[in-house]
C-alpha atoms as a PDB file:
ATOM      1  CA  MET A   1      73.503  94.071 151.717  1.00  0.00           C
ATOM      2  CA  ALA A   2      71.427  92.690 148.901  1.00  0.00           C
ATOM      3  CA  ARG A   3      68.314  93.123 151.032  1.00  0.00           C
ATOM      4  CA  GLY A   4      67.032  95.833 153.321  1.00  0.00           C
ATOM      5  CA  ALA A   5      68.268  99.396 153.018  1.00  0.00           C
ATOM      6  CA  PHE A   6      70.815  98.608 150.309  1.00  0.00           C
ATOM      7  CA  SER A   7      68.066  97.459 147.954  1.00  0.00           C
ATOM      8  CA  ASP A   8      66.218 100.773 148.446  1.00  0.00           C
ATOM      9  CA  ASP A   9      66.485 102.955 145.299  1.00  0.00           C
ATOM     10  CA  ASN A  10      66.884 106.149 147.362  1.00  0.00           C
ATOM     11  CA  VAL A  11      69.751 104.636 149.341  1.00  0.00           C
ATOM     12  CA  ALA A  12      71.438 103.405 146.145  1.00  0.00           C
ATOM     13  CA  LYS A  13      71.069 106.860 144.553  1.00  0.00           C
ATOM     14  CA  GLU A  14      72.411 108.672 147.614  1.00  0.00           C
ATOM     15  CA  LEU A  15      75.378 106.304 147.939  1.00  0.00           C
ATOM     16  CA  SER A  16      76.126 106.809 144.256  1.00  0.00           C
ATOM     17  CA  ASN A  17      75.976 110.592 144.665  1.00  0.00           C
ATOM     18  CA  LEU A  18      78.424 110.307 147.560  1.00  0.00           C
ATOM     19  CA  GLY A  19      80.778 108.144 145.498  1.00  0.00           C
ATOM     20  CA  ILE A  20      80.247 105.113 147.741  1.00  0.00           C
ATOM     21  CA  ILE A  21      80.269 101.689 146.142  1.00  0.00           C
ATOM     22  CA  PRO A  22      78.760  98.897 148.259  1.00  0.00           C
ATOM     23  CA  VAL A  23      80.820  95.706 147.975  1.00  0.00           C
ATOM     24  CA  ILE A  24      80.005  92.312 149.443  1.00  0.00           C
ATOM     25  CA  VAL A  25      83.024  90.383 150.712  1.00  0.00           C
ATOM     26  CA  ASP A  26      82.687  86.684 151.532  1.00  0.00           C
ATOM     27  CA  GLY A  27      84.415  86.376 154.901  1.00  0.00           C
ATOM     28  CA  ASP A  28      84.883  82.655 154.530  1.00  0.00           C
ATOM     29  CA  VAL A  29      86.885  83.226 151.344  1.00  0.00           C
ATOM     30  CA  GLU A  30      88.506  86.616 152.044  1.00  0.00           C
ATOM     31  CA  LYS A  31      90.019  85.771 155.430  1.00  0.00           C
ATOM     32  CA  GLU A  32      92.840  88.294 155.007  1.00  0.00           C
ATOM     33  CA  ALA A  33      90.345  91.150 154.569  1.00  0.00           C
ATOM     34  CA  MET A  34      88.397  89.994 157.612  1.00  0.00           C
ATOM     35  CA  GLY A  35      91.561  90.090 159.715  1.00  0.00           C
ATOM     36  CA  LYS A  36      92.671  93.434 158.313  1.00  0.00           C
ATOM     37  CA  TYR A  37      89.366  95.096 159.200  1.00  0.00           C
ATOM     38  CA  GLY A  38      88.789  93.267 162.503  1.00  0.00           C
ATOM     39  CA  VAL A  39      85.589  91.544 161.403  1.00  0.00           C
ATOM     40  CA  ARG A  40      84.460  89.010 163.988  1.00  0.00           C
ATOM     41  CA  GLY A  41      80.850  88.364 162.979  1.00  0.00           C
ATOM     42  CA  TYR A  42      78.524  88.585 160.027  1.00  0.00           C
ATOM     43  CA  PRO A  43      77.131  90.712 158.634  1.00  0.00           C
ATOM     44  CA  THR A  44      79.622  93.487 159.376  1.00  0.00           C
ATOM     45  CA  ILE A  45      79.443  96.596 157.245  1.00  0.00           C
ATOM     46  CA  LYS A  46      82.438  98.938 157.111  1.00  0.00           C
ATOM     47  CA  PHE A  47      83.222 102.102 155.225  1.00  0.00           C
ATOM     48  CA  VAL A  48      86.576 101.689 153.499  1.00  0.00           C
ATOM     49  CA  SER A  49      88.387 104.282 151.388  1.00  0.00           C
ATOM     50  CA  ALA A  50      89.708 103.573 147.910  1.00  0.00           C
ATOM     51  CA  SER A  51      93.148 103.198 149.467  1.00  0.00           C
ATOM     52  CA  GLY A  52      91.839 100.470 151.791  1.00  0.00           C
ATOM     53  CA  GLU A  53      91.636 102.489 155.017  1.00  0.00           C
ATOM     54  CA  ALA A  54      88.631 101.645 157.225  1.00  0.00           C
ATOM     55  CA  PHE A  55      86.964 104.807 158.496  1.00  0.00           C
ATOM     56  CA  GLY A  56      83.706 103.700 160.042  1.00  0.00           C
ATOM     57  CA  ASP A  57      81.212 100.956 160.785  1.00  0.00           C
ATOM     58  CA  LEU A  58      77.576 100.916 159.769  1.00  0.00           C
ATOM     59  CA  ARG A  59      75.425 100.609 162.890  1.00  0.00           C
ATOM     60  CA  ASP A  60      71.924 101.764 161.883  1.00  0.00           C
ATOM     61  CA  ARG A  61      70.777  99.648 158.936  1.00  0.00           C
ATOM     62  CA  SER A  62      67.542 101.506 158.209  1.00  0.00           C
ATOM     63  CA  ALA A  63      67.437 103.449 154.931  1.00  0.00           C
ATOM     64  CA  ALA A  64      67.654 106.804 156.741  1.00  0.00           C
ATOM     65  CA  GLY A  65      70.413 105.464 158.992  1.00  0.00           C
ATOM     66  CA  VAL A  66      72.506 104.184 156.104  1.00  0.00           C
ATOM     67  CA  ILE A  67      72.258 107.534 154.295  1.00  0.00           C
ATOM     68  CA  ALA A  68      73.095 109.561 157.419  1.00  0.00           C
ATOM     69  CA  GLN A  69      76.052 107.367 158.328  1.00  0.00           C
ATOM     70  CA  ALA A  70      77.328 107.340 154.744  1.00  0.00           C
ATOM     71  CA  LYS A  71      77.273 111.153 154.660  1.00  0.00           C
ATOM     72  CA  GLY A  72      79.125 111.246 157.990  1.00  0.00           C
ATOM     73  CA  ALA A  73      81.678 108.718 156.769  1.00  0.00           C
ATOM     74  CA  VAL A  74      82.349 110.678 153.585  1.00  0.00           C
ATOM     75  CA  GLU A  75      82.837 113.850 155.654  1.00  0.00           C
ATOM     76  CA  LYS A  76      85.615 112.043 157.547  1.00  0.00           C
ATOM     77  CA  ILE A  77      87.578 111.399 154.365  1.00  0.00           C
ATOM     78  CA  LYS A  78      86.374 114.308 152.257  1.00  0.00           C
ATOM     79  CA  PRO A  79      89.803 115.926 151.959  1.00  0.00           C
ATOM     80  CA  ARG A  80      91.099 112.645 150.455  1.00  0.00           C
ATOM     81  CA  PHE A  81      88.122 112.196 148.123  1.00  0.00           C
ATOM     82  CA  THR A  82      88.726 114.547 145.194  1.00  0.00           C
ATOM     83  CA  LYS A  83      86.025 115.763 142.826  1.00  0.00           C
ATOM     84  CA  LYS A  84      87.938 114.160 139.976  1.00  0.00           C
ATOM     85  CA  TYR A  85      87.965 110.771 141.693  1.00  0.00           C
ATOM     86  CA  THR A  86      84.269 111.044 142.541  1.00  0.00           C
ATOM     87  CA  LYS A  87      83.574 111.820 138.877  1.00  0.00           C
ATOM     88  CA  ILE A  88      85.568 108.739 137.849  1.00  0.00           C
ATOM     89  CA  LEU A  89      83.718 106.514 140.326  1.00  0.00           C
ATOM     90  CA  LYS A  90      80.328 107.768 139.135  1.00  0.00           C
ATOM     91  CA  ALA A  91      81.310 107.210 135.508  1.00  0.00           C
ATOM     92  CA  MET A  92      82.581 103.710 136.288  1.00  0.00           C
ATOM     93  CA  MET A  93      79.326 102.865 138.063  1.00  0.00           C
ATOM     94  CA  LYS A  94      77.337 104.145 135.072  1.00  0.00           C
ATOM     95  CA  MET A  95      79.548 102.103 132.762  1.00  0.00           C
ATOM     96  CA  ASP A  96      79.046  98.926 134.790  1.00  0.00           C
ATOM     97  CA  LYS A  97      75.290  99.468 134.956  1.00  0.00           C
ATOM     98  CA  ALA A  98      75.086 100.103 131.200  1.00  0.00           C
ATOM     99  CA  LEU A  99      77.221  97.071 130.396  1.00  0.00           C
ATOM    100  CA  ALA A 100      75.024  94.877 132.588  1.00  0.00           C
ATOM    101  CA  LYS A 101      72.063  95.998 130.474  1.00  0.00           C
ATOM    102  CA  LYS A 102      74.070  95.687 127.222  1.00  0.00           C
ATOM    103  CA  ASN A 103      73.463  99.394 126.636  1.00  0.00           C
ATOM    104  CA  TYR A 104      76.691 100.088 124.788  1.00  0.00           C
ATOM    105  CA  LYS A 105      75.761 103.654 123.873  1.00  0.00           C
ATOM    106  CA  ASN A 106      75.543 104.650 127.550  1.00  0.00           C
ATOM    107  CA  ALA A 107      78.585 102.558 128.441  1.00  0.00           C
ATOM    108  CA  LEU A 108      80.601 104.451 125.822  1.00  0.00           C
ATOM    109  CA  LYS A 109      79.377 107.789 127.230  1.00  0.00           C
ATOM    110  CA  ALA A 110      80.545 106.740 130.694  1.00  0.00           C
ATOM    111  CA  ILE A 111      83.889 105.543 129.332  1.00  0.00           C
ATOM    112  CA  SER A 112      84.306 108.876 127.569  1.00  0.00           C
ATOM    113  CA  ALA A 113      83.702 110.650 130.898  1.00  0.00           C
ATOM    114  CA  VAL A 114      86.486 108.565 132.482  1.00  0.00           C
ATOM    115  CA  GLU A 115      88.821 109.341 129.572  1.00  0.00           C
ATOM    116  CA  MET A 116      88.101 113.065 129.840  1.00  0.00           C
ATOM    117  CA  THR A 117      89.295 113.195 133.469  1.00  0.00           C
ATOM    118  CA  GLY A 118      92.842 112.514 132.301  1.00  0.00           C
ATOM    119  CA  HIS A 119      93.282 110.034 135.166  1.00  0.00           C
ATOM    120  CA  LYS A 120      95.428 107.085 134.034  1.00  0.00           C
ATOM    121  CA  GLY A 121      94.880 104.710 136.974  1.00  0.00           C
ATOM    122  CA  SER A 122      93.300 101.281 137.183  1.00  0.00           C
ATOM    123  CA  ASP A 123      89.777 102.590 136.534  1.00  0.00           C
ATOM    124  CA  TYR A 124      90.985 104.224 133.323  1.00  0.00           C
ATOM    125  CA  LYS A 125      92.650 101.006 132.218  1.00  0.00           C
ATOM    126  CA  ARG A 126      89.523  98.984 132.985  1.00  0.00           C
ATOM    127  CA  ALA A 127      87.359 101.497 131.098  1.00  0.00           C
ATOM    128  CA  LEU A 128      89.662 101.258 128.065  1.00  0.00           C
ATOM    129  CA  GLY A 129      89.509  97.468 128.264  1.00  0.00           C
ATOM    130  CA  GLU A 130      85.706  97.601 128.181  1.00  0.00           C
ATOM    131  CA  LYS A 131      85.843 100.074 125.296  1.00  0.00           C
ATOM    132  CA  SER A 132      88.068  97.659 123.383  1.00  0.00           C
ATOM    133  CA  LYS A 133      85.585  94.821 123.967  1.00  0.00           C
ATOM    134  CA  ILE A 134      82.695  97.020 122.806  1.00  0.00           C
ATOM    135  CA  GLN A 135      84.667  98.045 119.736  1.00  0.00           C
ATOM    136  CA  GLY A 136      85.308  94.375 118.982  1.00  0.00           C
ATOM    137  CA  MET A 137      81.551  93.724 119.050  1.00  0.00           C
ATOM    138  CA  ALA A 138      80.967  96.638 116.691  1.00  0.00           C
ATOM    139  CA  LYS A 139      83.625  95.301 114.308  1.00  0.00           C
ATOM    140  CA  GLU A 140      82.007  91.852 114.332  1.00  0.00           C
ATOM    141  CA  GLN A 141      78.640  93.369 113.445  1.00  0.00           C
ATOM    142  CA  ILE A 142      80.195  95.445 110.639  1.00  0.00           C
ATOM    143  CA  ALA A 143      81.861  92.304 109.244  1.00  0.00           C
ATOM    144  CA  GLU A 144      78.541  90.433 109.390  1.00  0.00           C
ATOM    145  CA  ALA A 145      76.763  93.282 107.580  1.00  0.00           C
ATOM    146  CA  LYS A 146      79.461  93.430 104.884  1.00  0.00           C
ATOM    147  CA  LYS A 147      78.926  89.730 104.154  1.00  0.00           C
ATOM    148  CA  LEU A 148      75.208  90.373 103.715  1.00  0.00           C
ATOM    149  CA  MET A 149      75.408  93.565 101.640  1.00  0.00           C
ATOM    150  CA  GLU A 150      74.956  91.862  98.267  1.00  0.00           C
ATOM    151  CA  SER A 151      72.801  88.897  99.198  1.00  0.00           C
ATOM    152  CA  SER A 152      70.555  90.637 101.745  1.00  0.00           C
ATOM    153  CA  PRO A 153      70.992  94.428 101.705  1.00  0.00           C
ATOM    154  CA  THR A 154      67.909  95.000 103.881  1.00  0.00           C
ATOM    155  CA  LYS A 155      69.294  92.758 106.615  1.00  0.00           C
ATOM    156  CA  ALA A 156      72.745  94.359 106.261  1.00  0.00           C
ATOM    157  CA  LYS A 157      71.221  97.824 106.545  1.00  0.00           C
ATOM    158  CA  SER A 158      69.323  96.790 109.688  1.00  0.00           C
ATOM    159  CA  ILE A 159      72.543  95.584 111.338  1.00  0.00           C
ATOM    160  CA  LEU A 160      74.400  98.727 110.283  1.00  0.00           C
ATOM    161  CA  LYS A 161      71.676 100.999 111.678  1.00  0.00           C
ATOM    162  CA  LYS A 162      72.032  99.231 115.035  1.00  0.00           C
ATOM    163  CA  VAL A 163      75.807  99.705 114.922  1.00  0.00           C
ATOM    164  CA  GLN A 164      75.335 103.369 114.090  1.00  0.00           C
ATOM    165  CA  LYS A 165      72.872 103.801 116.991  1.00  0.00           C
ATOM    166  CA  ASN A 166      74.574 101.667 119.645  1.00  0.00           C
ATOM    167  CA  PHE A 167      78.240 102.487 119.089  1.00  0.00           C
ATOM    168  CA  VAL A 168      78.176 106.289 118.884  1.00  0.00           C
ATOM    169  CA  GLY A 169      81.644 107.760 119.202  1.00  0.00           C
ATOM    170  CA  LEU A 170      83.446 104.767 117.743  1.00  0.00           C
ATOM    171  CA  PRO A 171      84.875 104.768 114.216  1.00  0.00           C
ATOM    172  CA  GLU A 172      82.648 101.769 113.486  1.00  0.00           C
ATOM    173  CA  ALA A 173      79.534 103.964 113.829  1.00  0.00           C
ATOM    174  CA  ASP A 174      80.919 106.233 111.094  1.00  0.00           C
ATOM    175  CA  GLU A 175      81.819 103.202 108.977  1.00  0.00           C
ATOM    176  CA  ALA A 176      78.258 101.893 109.414  1.00  0.00           C
ATOM    177  CA  LYS A 177      76.863 105.183 108.097  1.00  0.00           C
ATOM    178  CA  LYS A 178      79.109 105.011 105.025  1.00  0.00           C
ATOM    179  CA  LEU A 179      78.039 101.425 104.348  1.00  0.00           C
ATOM    180  CA  ILE A 180      74.366 102.362 104.724  1.00  0.00           C
ATOM    181  CA  ASP A 181      74.939 105.125 102.171  1.00  0.00           C
ATOM    182  CA  GLU A 182      76.615 102.594  99.844  1.00  0.00           C
ATOM    183  CA  ILE A 183      73.641 100.260 100.133  1.00  0.00           C
ATOM    184  CA  ALA A 184      71.231 103.145  99.443  1.00  0.00           C
ATOM    185  CA  ALA A 185      73.250 104.224  96.393  1.00  0.00           C
ATOM    186  CA  SER A 186      73.337 100.660  95.106  1.00  0.00           C
ATOM    187  CA  GLU A 187      69.593 100.275  95.627  1.00  0.00           C
ATOM    188  CA  SER A 188      68.810 103.517  93.815  1.00  0.00           C
ATOM    189  CA  SER A 189      71.077 102.619  90.862  1.00  0.00           C
ATOM    190  CA  ASN A 190      69.545  99.132  90.633  1.00  0.00           C
ATOM    191  CA  GLY A 191      65.990 100.184  91.090  1.00  0.00           C
END
């Protein structure tokens, strides 16, 4: 999957739009999954619903073939694939992509999209877990900036500006703005 059609940007985009998430399963390790889905040789590519139901095999591995078969597979389960769930999957994929790039601003936007669906399943819980980790990073940076405020206000301000930019939507971004204002007020009264 890592090569060929699945590495094609158009295929990746189309699969994302359909709410399909390609997953590689190591058959030597995941023997139970191989038995469940009747896999006898490698590579075998199956379409599996979120509930674990297999609903098709991938035969044509060209880019056009993958897209056509993916569309056909989604049509088979469309009644079970709600718009809300598709929205959650897309947001989770955006979150994962943003986190991989350490783009916390975009990760927080994606997490917010998951929160706004009102869905309280495993994706929601995972999104909140990632949000908590991101918030922890923001808190660490705030603490570092606070230590530097008197000895190195320029460095503190630089850290706080990054917090303000990268952690939009978190209380720490608002706290960073207040601390920047404090530094500015202190600089103007001292200078």
